[in-house]
């Protein structure tokens, strides 16, 4: 049995949160390192070095979760964690309006304690998503 690779939890979570098609998050299976780069954009020399490193190592791309899934996390937060009915209604309206992600973030600024609760909730949910992703990809790893 091989040793588990060590992966920085926040690096894996960053990859799962990022669903921009032009940015790639690549996990190196031998080291647990996650490299972020933008093929076709940015520093050409850096991208070339990263692509060569990818070619010479066993890697897997970390796909970001869908916006639908990210929306459901916010929806669950409002349903499960928000106690005040007026705040719950206000956040539900924001989520069902235009630009729900940026407006949700902006709306939470009105309630600093709830905003912190959201960040804690989001981190917990994404840690669960990270473990699910590792299981799905059959990767034995320790998140550090």
Protein backbone atom coordinates (compact mmCIF):
# COMPACT_ATOMS: atom_id res chain seq x y z
CA UNK A 1 0.00 0.00 0.00
CA UNK A 2 1.37 3.41 -0.95
CA UNK A 3 1.59 6.40 1.33
CA UNK A 4 -1.11 9.02 1.07
CA UNK A 5 -0.07 12.17 -0.72
CA UNK A 6 -0.40 15.41 1.21
CA UNK A 7 -2.49 18.07 -0.48
CA UNK A 8 -2.99 21.59 0.82
CA UNK A 9 -6.71 21.69 1.52
CA UNK A 10 -7.08 25.32 0.47
CA UNK A 11 -5.33 24.66 -2.86
CA UNK A 12 -7.73 21.85 -3.70
CA UNK A 13 -10.72 23.90 -2.56
CA UNK A 14 -9.55 26.85 -4.68
CA UNK A 15 -9.61 24.55 -7.70
CA UNK A 16 -13.10 23.32 -6.88
CA UNK A 17 -14.38 26.88 -6.41
CA UNK A 18 -12.88 28.16 -9.67
CA UNK A 19 -14.99 27.34 -12.71
CA UNK A 20 -13.38 29.80 -15.12
CA UNK A 21 -12.59 27.91 -18.32
CA UNK A 22 -9.36 29.82 -19.00
CA UNK A 23 -7.78 28.94 -15.64
CA UNK A 24 -6.51 25.43 -14.90
CA UNK A 25 -5.80 23.91 -11.50
CA UNK A 26 -3.60 20.83 -11.86
CA UNK A 27 -2.87 18.33 -9.08
CA UNK A 28 0.45 16.50 -9.23
CA UNK A 29 -0.28 13.00 -7.97
CA UNK A 30 3.30 12.27 -6.92
CA UNK A 31 3.73 15.37 -4.74
CA UNK A 32 0.25 16.69 -3.93
CA UNK A 33 1.23 20.09 -5.33
CA UNK A 34 -1.47 22.11 -7.08
CA UNK A 35 -0.38 24.50 -9.81
CA UNK A 36 -2.65 27.19 -11.21
CA UNK A 37 -2.05 28.53 -14.69
CA UNK A 38 -3.89 29.98 -17.68
CA UNK A 39 -2.89 28.29 -20.94
CA UNK A 40 -2.86 30.85 -23.75
CA UNK A 41 -2.91 33.76 -21.31
CA UNK A 42 -0.36 35.43 -19.09
CA UNK A 43 3.35 34.70 -18.89
CA UNK A 44 4.30 32.47 -21.86
CA UNK A 45 7.51 31.21 -20.25
CA UNK A 46 5.69 30.24 -17.04
CA UNK A 47 2.96 28.44 -19.00
CA UNK A 48 5.58 26.58 -21.04
CA UNK A 49 7.37 25.45 -17.85
CA UNK A 50 4.08 24.30 -16.31
CA UNK A 51 3.06 22.40 -19.45
CA UNK A 52 6.46 20.65 -19.56
CA UNK A 53 6.13 19.74 -15.88
CA UNK A 54 2.63 18.37 -16.53
CA UNK A 55 3.92 16.29 -19.46
CA UNK A 56 6.61 14.71 -17.28
CA UNK A 57 4.42 13.88 -14.26
CA UNK A 58 1.21 12.11 -13.40
CA UNK A 59 -1.41 14.82 -13.00
CA UNK A 60 -5.14 15.37 -12.87
CA UNK A 61 -7.02 18.56 -13.59
CA UNK A 62 -9.27 19.82 -10.80
CA UNK A 63 -12.60 20.78 -12.31
CA UNK A 64 -14.51 23.53 -10.57
CA UNK A 65 -18.00 22.76 -9.37
CA UNK A 66 -20.85 23.97 -11.55
CA UNK A 67 -22.52 27.29 -10.86
CA UNK A 68 -25.71 25.30 -10.25
CA UNK A 69 -23.97 23.41 -7.44
CA UNK A 70 -22.50 26.64 -6.02
CA UNK A 71 -25.98 28.16 -6.10
CA UNK A 72 -27.38 25.17 -4.17
CA UNK A 73 -24.75 25.68 -1.45
CA UNK A 74 -25.93 29.26 -0.99
CA UNK A 75 -29.55 28.17 -1.03
CA UNK A 76 -28.85 25.52 1.62
CA UNK A 77 -27.07 28.08 3.77
CA UNK A 78 -30.07 30.40 3.72
CA UNK A 79 -32.44 27.54 4.51
CA UNK A 80 -30.34 25.86 7.21
CA UNK A 81 -28.44 28.69 8.91
CA UNK A 82 -30.44 31.91 8.65
CA UNK A 83 -32.84 32.19 11.59
CA UNK A 84 -34.38 35.62 11.02
CA UNK A 85 -37.31 35.30 8.58
CA UNK A 86 -36.80 38.82 7.18
CA UNK A 87 -33.14 38.15 6.45
CA UNK A 88 -34.00 34.75 5.00
CA UNK A 89 -36.56 36.38 2.69
CA UNK A 90 -34.11 39.13 1.66
CA UNK A 91 -31.37 36.63 0.80
CA UNK A 92 -33.83 34.40 -1.08
CA UNK A 93 -34.89 37.38 -3.19
CA UNK A 94 -31.23 38.13 -3.93
CA UNK A 95 -30.57 34.52 -4.94
CA UNK A 96 -33.56 34.53 -7.27
CA UNK A 97 -32.64 37.84 -8.90
CA UNK A 98 -30.01 38.91 -11.41
CA UNK A 99 -26.35 38.25 -10.60
CA UNK A 100 -27.15 36.07 -7.56
CA UNK A 101 -23.52 35.33 -6.62
CA UNK A 102 -22.19 38.88 -6.49
CA UNK A 103 -25.42 40.24 -5.01
CA UNK A 104 -25.47 37.51 -2.34
CA UNK A 105 -21.93 38.47 -1.34
CA UNK A 106 -22.87 42.16 -1.31
CA UNK A 107 -26.07 41.55 0.68
CA UNK A 108 -24.20 39.67 3.41
CA UNK A 109 -22.18 42.81 4.17
CA UNK A 110 -25.30 44.14 5.93
CA UNK A 111 -25.02 41.34 8.51
CA UNK A 112 -21.33 40.89 9.52
CA UNK A 113 -21.97 37.96 11.89
CA UNK A 114 -24.04 36.17 9.28
CA UNK A 115 -21.36 36.92 6.68
CA UNK A 116 -18.75 35.18 8.84
CA UNK A 117 -21.17 32.31 9.38
CA UNK A 118 -21.47 32.06 5.57
CA UNK A 119 -17.69 31.86 5.13
CA UNK A 120 -17.49 29.12 7.76
CA UNK A 121 -20.38 27.24 6.16
CA UNK A 122 -18.92 27.58 2.67
CA UNK A 123 -15.50 26.35 3.85
CA UNK A 124 -17.07 23.34 5.54
CA UNK A 125 -19.13 22.47 2.46
CA UNK A 126 -16.12 22.82 0.17
CA UNK A 127 -14.01 20.64 2.43
CA UNK A 128 -16.74 17.99 2.04
CA UNK A 129 -16.66 18.56 -1.75
CA UNK A 130 -12.86 18.14 -1.71
CA UNK A 131 -13.13 14.79 0.08
CA UNK A 132 -15.89 13.66 -2.31
CA UNK A 133 -13.73 14.67 -5.29
CA UNK A 134 -10.75 12.71 -3.97
CA UNK A 135 -12.97 9.65 -3.44
CA UNK A 136 -14.48 10.01 -6.91
CA UNK A 137 -11.01 10.22 -8.47
CA UNK A 138 -9.79 7.34 -6.27
CA UNK A 139 -6.98 9.43 -4.80
CA UNK A 140 -5.69 8.55 -1.35
CA UNK A 141 -4.67 11.82 0.20
CA UNK A 142 -4.36 13.68 3.44
CA UNK A 143 -5.66 17.23 3.36
CA UNK A 144 -3.33 19.53 5.27
